[in-house]
Protein backbone atom coordinates (compact mmCIF):
# COMPACT_ATOMS: atom_id res chain seq x y z
CA MET A 1 76.11 6.39 -93.89
CA ASP A 2 75.61 8.42 -97.33
CA LEU A 3 73.27 11.49 -97.96
CA LYS A 4 70.84 8.91 -99.81
CA GLU A 5 70.47 6.82 -96.46
CA LEU A 6 70.31 9.76 -94.42
CA LYS A 7 67.21 10.54 -96.19
CA ILE A 8 65.87 6.97 -96.25
CA SER A 9 66.73 6.82 -92.53
CA LEU A 10 64.68 10.09 -91.65
CA GLU A 11 61.54 9.22 -93.57
CA GLU A 12 61.50 5.56 -91.98
CA ASP A 13 62.05 7.87 -88.44
CA ILE A 14 59.46 9.98 -89.17
CA LYS A 15 56.46 6.94 -90.21
CA SER A 16 57.17 5.39 -87.13
CA CYS A 17 56.96 8.64 -85.09
CA SER A 18 53.82 8.35 -82.95
CA ASN A 19 54.13 10.26 -79.42
CA LEU A 20 56.28 12.94 -78.20
CA GLU A 21 58.85 10.65 -77.06
CA ASP A 22 59.33 9.41 -80.41
CA LEU A 23 59.95 13.09 -81.96
CA GLU A 24 62.37 13.84 -79.40
CA LYS A 25 64.54 10.92 -80.28
CA ILE A 26 64.72 12.34 -83.95
CA ARG A 27 65.43 15.68 -82.57
CA VAL A 28 68.32 14.46 -81.03
CA LYS A 29 69.52 12.20 -83.77
CA TYR A 30 69.49 14.51 -86.49
CA LEU A 31 69.99 18.04 -84.70
CA GLY A 32 71.44 17.40 -81.84
CA ARG A 33 75.22 18.36 -80.68
CA LYS A 34 76.17 14.94 -81.91
CA GLY A 35 72.94 14.74 -84.73
CA LEU A 36 74.03 13.00 -88.09
CA ILE A 37 73.10 16.30 -89.71
CA LYS A 38 75.25 18.35 -88.13
CA GLU A 39 78.30 15.49 -88.66
CA TYR A 40 77.26 15.52 -92.31
CA PHE A 41 78.15 19.54 -91.99
CA LYS A 42 81.49 18.79 -90.69
CA LYS A 43 82.61 16.68 -93.45
CA LEU A 44 81.51 19.47 -96.19
CA LYS A 45 85.26 20.96 -95.93
CA ASP A 46 86.21 17.14 -97.37
CA PHE A 47 84.52 17.41 -100.31
CA SER A 48 85.21 19.27 -104.28
CA SER A 49 83.44 22.60 -104.54
CA ASP A 50 80.81 21.29 -106.65
CA GLU A 51 80.42 18.57 -104.19
CA ARG A 52 80.23 20.62 -101.34
CA LYS A 53 77.70 23.09 -102.92
CA SER A 54 75.10 19.80 -104.00
CA ALA A 55 75.68 18.43 -100.54
CA GLY A 56 75.17 21.88 -98.27
CA LYS A 57 71.87 22.99 -100.28
CA THR A 58 70.50 18.58 -99.35
CA LEU A 59 71.48 18.86 -95.97
CA ASN A 60 69.56 22.51 -95.59
CA GLU A 61 66.26 20.99 -96.93
CA LEU A 62 66.76 17.97 -94.61
CA GLN A 63 67.25 20.19 -91.52
CA GLU A 64 63.85 22.41 -92.36
CA ARG A 65 62.23 18.97 -93.52
CA ILE A 66 63.04 18.53 -89.60
CA LYS A 67 62.95 21.55 -88.10
CA SER A 68 58.75 21.58 -89.63
CA PHE A 69 58.27 18.26 -89.10
CA ILE A 70 58.69 18.68 -85.31
CA GLU A 71 56.94 22.09 -84.77
CA GLU A 72 54.03 20.57 -86.86
CA LYS A 73 53.73 17.19 -84.41
CA SER A 74 54.74 18.77 -81.35
CA LYS A 75 51.01 20.43 -81.85
CA GLU A 76 49.10 17.60 -82.52
CA PHE A 77 51.17 15.29 -80.09
CA GLU A 78 50.26 18.18 -76.71
CA GLU A 79 46.63 18.74 -78.20
CA LYS A 80 46.14 14.87 -77.79
CA ARG A 81 47.62 15.29 -74.59
CA LYS A 82 45.58 17.69 -73.18
CA PRO A 83 42.33 16.27 -71.61
CA SER A 84 38.95 16.67 -73.27
CA ILE A 85 37.13 18.57 -70.67
CA ASP A 86 34.69 20.48 -71.31
CA LEU A 87 35.08 23.42 -68.18
CA PHE A 88 31.35 24.92 -69.26
CA ILE A 89 29.62 22.01 -68.83
CA PRO A 90 27.31 21.34 -65.88
CA GLY A 91 28.49 19.51 -62.99
CA ARG A 92 26.83 16.26 -62.18
CA LYS A 93 25.07 16.50 -59.52
CA SER A 94 26.48 14.88 -56.29
CA GLU A 95 24.33 11.73 -54.91
CA THR A 96 23.68 12.16 -51.03
CA GLY A 97 23.25 9.06 -48.96
CA SER A 98 20.67 9.11 -46.19
CA LEU A 99 19.44 7.11 -43.09
CA HIS A 100 17.45 4.42 -43.77
CA PRO A 101 13.93 4.73 -42.25
CA ILE A 102 14.19 2.07 -39.61
CA SER A 103 17.60 3.60 -38.27
CA ILE A 104 15.27 7.13 -38.89
CA VAL A 105 12.86 5.54 -36.38
CA LEU A 106 14.93 3.52 -34.01
CA LYS A 107 16.84 6.97 -33.08
CA GLU A 108 13.80 8.79 -32.78
CA ILE A 109 12.55 6.07 -30.10
CA GLU A 110 15.97 5.97 -28.23
CA GLU A 111 15.63 9.52 -27.50
CA ILE A 112 12.22 9.70 -26.26
CA PHE A 113 13.40 6.57 -23.72
CA THR A 114 16.56 7.68 -22.84
CA GLY A 115 14.57 11.28 -22.29
CA MET A 116 12.67 9.29 -19.38
CA GLY A 117 15.76 7.57 -17.86
CA PHE A 118 15.88 4.76 -19.60
CA GLU A 119 19.60 3.43 -20.87
CA VAL A 120 19.94 1.78 -24.39
CA VAL A 121 21.36 -2.16 -23.82
CA SER A 122 21.93 -4.58 -26.31
CA GLY A 123 23.20 -8.56 -26.54
CA PRO A 124 23.79 -11.68 -28.56
CA GLU A 125 21.57 -11.92 -32.11
CA MET A 126 22.43 -15.83 -31.28
CA GLU A 127 21.06 -17.23 -28.09
CA SER A 128 20.53 -20.06 -26.02
CA ASP A 129 17.10 -21.65 -25.98
CA TYR A 130 17.24 -20.80 -21.68
CA HIS A 131 17.86 -16.91 -21.97
CA ASN A 132 15.68 -17.14 -25.12
CA PHE A 133 12.64 -18.94 -23.66
CA GLU A 134 12.60 -21.06 -20.35
CA ALA A 135 14.12 -17.90 -18.23
CA LEU A 136 10.91 -16.08 -19.60
CA ASN A 137 8.95 -18.61 -17.92
CA ILE A 138 8.17 -20.48 -21.40
CA SER A 139 9.40 -24.07 -21.29
CA LYS A 140 9.92 -26.75 -23.81
CA GLU A 141 5.87 -27.81 -23.96
CA HIS A 142 4.96 -23.95 -23.79
CA PRO A 143 2.25 -23.80 -26.63
CA THR A 144 3.47 -20.24 -27.17
CA ARG A 145 6.31 -20.88 -28.30
CA ASP A 146 4.35 -22.12 -31.42
CA GLU A 147 4.10 -18.39 -32.26
CA GLN A 148 7.88 -17.55 -32.16
CA ALA A 149 8.65 -20.30 -34.91
CA SER A 150 12.68 -20.66 -34.47
CA PHE A 151 15.92 -20.53 -36.80
CA PHE A 152 17.97 -23.50 -35.12
CA VAL A 153 21.55 -23.34 -35.21
CA GLU A 154 22.13 -25.91 -32.92
CA GLU A 155 19.46 -27.95 -30.49
CA GLU A 156 20.10 -25.70 -27.58
CA LEU A 157 21.42 -22.67 -29.63
CA ILE A 158 18.81 -20.14 -32.11
CA LEU A 159 18.77 -16.59 -33.35
CA ARG A 160 16.98 -14.79 -31.05
CA THR A 161 13.36 -14.47 -31.61
CA HIS A 162 12.87 -11.39 -29.72
CA THR A 163 14.92 -8.88 -27.32
CA SER A 164 13.67 -10.50 -23.73
CA PRO A 165 17.19 -12.15 -23.52
CA VAL A 166 19.26 -9.23 -22.98
CA GLN A 167 16.60 -8.30 -20.25
CA ILE A 168 16.87 -11.54 -18.28
CA ARG A 169 20.96 -11.21 -19.32
CA VAL A 170 20.96 -7.54 -17.71
CA MET A 171 19.28 -8.55 -14.32
CA LYS A 172 21.35 -11.15 -14.06
CA SER A 173 24.21 -9.25 -13.68
CA ARG A 174 22.56 -6.09 -12.45
CA LYS A 175 20.80 -5.39 -9.39
CA PRO A 176 17.75 -3.60 -9.06
CA PRO A 177 16.93 -0.55 -10.35
CA VAL A 178 17.15 -1.40 -13.75
CA ARG A 179 15.14 0.96 -16.51
CA ILE A 180 16.78 -0.35 -19.70
CA ILE A 181 15.20 -0.17 -23.90
CA ALA A 182 16.72 -3.13 -25.34
CA PRO A 183 16.49 -2.35 -29.47
CA GLY A 184 17.98 -5.13 -32.39
CA LYS A 185 17.20 -7.70 -34.97
CA VAL A 186 15.02 -10.67 -34.51
CA TYR A 187 14.06 -13.54 -36.24
CA ARG A 188 11.29 -15.97 -36.77
CA VAL A 189 10.62 -18.50 -38.87
CA ASP A 190 7.62 -16.01 -40.95
CA PRO A 191 6.82 -15.47 -44.52
CA PHE A 192 8.34 -12.68 -46.32
CA ASP A 193 4.88 -10.76 -47.52
CA PRO A 194 2.70 -7.10 -47.21
CA SER A 195 3.06 -7.41 -42.88
CA HIS A 196 5.88 -10.21 -41.84
CA SER A 197 9.80 -10.68 -42.56
CA PRO A 198 11.59 -13.55 -41.43
CA VAL A 199 14.17 -10.81 -40.10
CA PHE A 200 13.00 -7.45 -38.23
CA HIS A 201 13.34 -4.74 -35.90
CA GLN A 202 12.49 -5.41 -32.03
CA LEU A 203 12.68 -2.98 -29.11
CA GLU A 204 11.80 -4.08 -25.37
CA GLY A 205 11.80 -2.26 -22.55
CA LEU A 206 12.12 -3.15 -18.47
CA TYR A 207 11.90 -1.18 -15.48
CA VAL A 208 12.85 -2.56 -12.50
CA ASP A 209 12.41 -1.57 -8.89
CA GLU A 210 10.59 -1.13 -5.70
CA GLY A 211 7.24 -0.37 -5.76
CA VAL A 212 6.79 -0.07 -9.56
CA SER A 213 3.47 -0.12 -10.47
CA PHE A 214 1.08 -0.58 -13.35
CA ALA A 215 -0.34 2.65 -13.31
CA GLU A 216 3.16 3.76 -14.26
CA LEU A 217 3.50 1.25 -17.07
CA LYS A 218 0.63 3.43 -18.72
CA GLY A 219 2.16 6.48 -18.07
CA THR A 220 5.51 5.80 -19.99
CA LEU A 221 4.05 4.13 -22.69
CA GLU A 222 1.18 7.35 -22.54
CA ILE A 223 3.97 9.88 -22.95
CA PHE A 224 5.94 7.71 -25.95
CA ALA A 225 2.81 7.54 -27.93
CA LYS A 226 2.13 10.83 -27.67
CA GLU A 227 5.58 11.92 -27.79
CA PHE A 228 6.29 9.48 -31.28
CA PHE A 229 2.55 9.70 -32.43
CA GLY A 230 1.41 12.88 -31.45
CA ALA A 231 0.14 14.78 -29.05
CA ASP A 232 -3.48 14.40 -29.60
CA THR A 233 -2.60 10.60 -29.57
CA GLU A 234 -5.08 8.33 -27.08
CA ILE A 235 -3.96 4.76 -25.50
CA LYS A 236 -6.10 1.73 -24.39
CA PHE A 237 -5.07 -0.82 -22.82
CA LEU A 238 -6.61 -4.47 -23.69
CA PRO A 239 -6.47 -7.75 -21.27
CA SER A 240 -4.06 -10.20 -23.03
CA TYR A 241 -1.56 -13.04 -22.58
CA PHE A 242 2.11 -13.24 -22.09
CA PRO A 243 4.22 -15.98 -20.43
CA PHE A 244 6.66 -13.60 -18.88
CA THR A 245 4.46 -10.71 -17.65
CA GLU A 246 0.95 -10.90 -14.83
CA PRO A 247 -1.44 -9.06 -15.13
CA SER A 248 -0.41 -8.69 -19.54
CA ALA A 249 -2.03 -6.02 -22.09
CA GLU A 250 -1.99 -5.68 -25.45
CA VAL A 251 -1.47 -1.69 -26.68
CA ALA A 252 -3.94 0.00 -29.17
CA ILE A 253 -3.46 3.91 -29.99
CA SER A 254 -6.05 6.07 -31.78
CA CYS A 255 -5.87 6.14 -35.79
CA ALA A 256 -3.71 8.55 -36.66
CA ILE A 257 -5.17 8.51 -40.17
CA CYS A 258 -9.08 8.69 -39.52
CA LYS A 259 -8.25 10.25 -35.43
CA ARG A 260 -10.88 7.08 -34.38
CA LYS A 261 -13.89 7.28 -37.22
CA GLY A 262 -12.73 4.79 -38.72
CA CYS A 263 -11.08 3.77 -41.98
CA SER A 264 -9.43 0.31 -43.85
CA THR A 265 -6.25 0.89 -41.86
CA CYS A 266 -7.99 0.45 -38.30
CA GLY A 267 -10.50 -2.33 -39.91
CA TYR A 268 -13.04 1.02 -38.62
CA THR A 269 -12.35 0.55 -35.04
CA GLY A 270 -10.57 3.52 -34.40
CA TRP A 271 -8.00 1.89 -32.82
CA LEU A 272 -4.36 0.33 -34.34
CA GLU A 273 -2.43 -2.09 -31.89
CA VAL A 274 0.69 -1.65 -31.67
CA LEU A 275 2.70 -3.12 -29.12
CA GLY A 276 2.01 -5.93 -25.73
CA CYS A 277 3.48 -4.96 -22.01
CA GLY A 278 2.99 -6.31 -18.58
CA MET A 279 4.17 -6.54 -15.16
CA VAL A 280 7.21 -8.59 -14.87
CA HIS A 281 6.02 -12.70 -13.73
CA PRO A 282 7.44 -13.13 -10.63
CA ARG A 283 8.64 -16.78 -12.39
CA VAL A 284 11.41 -14.32 -14.47
CA PHE A 285 12.43 -12.27 -11.51
CA GLU A 286 13.20 -16.22 -9.18
CA ASN A 287 15.30 -17.14 -12.57
CA VAL A 288 17.49 -14.03 -12.61
CA GLY A 289 17.78 -14.07 -7.93
CA TYR A 290 15.20 -11.09 -7.74
CA ASN A 291 13.71 -10.86 -4.59
CA THR A 292 9.85 -11.18 -5.56
CA GLU A 293 8.95 -10.07 -2.02
CA LYS A 294 10.84 -6.73 -2.55
CA TYR A 295 10.64 -6.11 -6.52
CA THR A 296 8.47 -5.20 -8.74
CA GLY A 297 8.61 -4.19 -12.61
CA TYR A 298 7.10 -3.94 -15.75
CA ALA A 299 8.12 -4.81 -20.06
CA PHE A 300 7.10 -3.53 -22.83
CA GLY A 301 8.10 -4.62 -26.54
CA PHE A 302 6.91 -3.77 -30.05
CA GLY A 303 8.53 -3.68 -33.81
CA ILE A 304 9.71 -0.89 -34.99
CA GLU A 305 8.85 -1.70 -38.25
CA ARG A 306 5.07 -2.00 -37.41
CA MET A 307 6.05 1.49 -35.82
CA ALA A 308 7.42 3.10 -39.10
CA MET A 309 4.53 1.59 -40.83
CA ILE A 310 1.89 3.73 -38.99
CA LYS A 311 3.86 6.91 -38.38
CA TYR A 312 4.88 7.38 -42.21
CA ARG A 313 1.75 5.12 -43.55
CA ILE A 314 3.67 2.37 -45.31
CA PRO A 315 1.77 -0.26 -46.66
CA ASP A 316 4.30 -2.97 -46.95
CA ILE A 317 7.06 -3.98 -44.57
CA ARG A 318 8.80 -5.57 -47.64
CA LEU A 319 9.52 -2.16 -48.82
CA PHE A 320 12.57 -1.94 -46.12
CA TYR A 321 14.38 -4.52 -47.13
CA GLU A 322 14.33 -4.11 -51.26
CA ASN A 323 16.42 -0.78 -51.45
CA GLU A 324 14.46 0.59 -53.75
CA ILE A 325 15.87 4.10 -54.33
CA ASP A 326 12.85 6.36 -54.84
CA PHE A 327 11.33 4.35 -51.41
CA LEU A 328 14.92 5.20 -49.33
CA GLU A 329 14.83 8.97 -51.13
CA ILE A 330 11.26 9.92 -49.16
CA PHE A 331 13.28 9.80 -46.24
CA LYS A 332 16.17 12.33 -46.74
């Protein structure tokens, strides 16, 4: 390769240089210990005096050209490799999550009842017809089943319509005394509207022992209402009917919004119905093998969403399931 070819080769390498790795290759190729420039300088001793002078000048120019190019491009490529971060720009706000309102309310309710000696238990969401209905004194022809339209998985297998089956499973596996609450998801063929959802959360309570009375049931629920809704909350029992309790009652609390003066929320009655309860029916005890002459017990149940809607004045149950950030951030 003569000097003319060397110039051409150098210019081609310069044009194709696009990063620091290419730049290092050029330095080694031309200026390295065995680089082309040094090799040419060694050959100058074989040239005539005039040729040596001309070739030496050319080689010096090429050497300076390479050094200048390497210095310039090194700075340029180094700048490109630096991350484009402005250290003085304020940082982005860290978005933190929070418990869902259903979880918040459920946790508070569990703490109230565990403080009264209740144990939190759970059971399967897919249940047999026997545990969900028949063991609870609800036969296949019982009209109450119409109120709990079920999602059938198989002929005798459904998605549970309440958490009462957990009570049956616990009583079949334990001897009294039994004092439990059973929270969890339940499923019913209901429309998805402001007051209904095909899936919602329920909590049921059960206490069985010798001498358990209706007065204890009322006292327990009164303590719960005052702890959860406020110390000035009043309760009243209204006669009702449930196949698995006798006697049975609906429990209403004094309206937290109008303080019993009457408003649109309570239908201008001053009261809000919040749960159902009663003394466990003897047939339920017979189905789980309990001695009906020796043991009595009470049970109660309510919807978690219902409690949350009353406490936080939420007008639409669908808000719990639509994942609207503005709604959920209220509970941070």
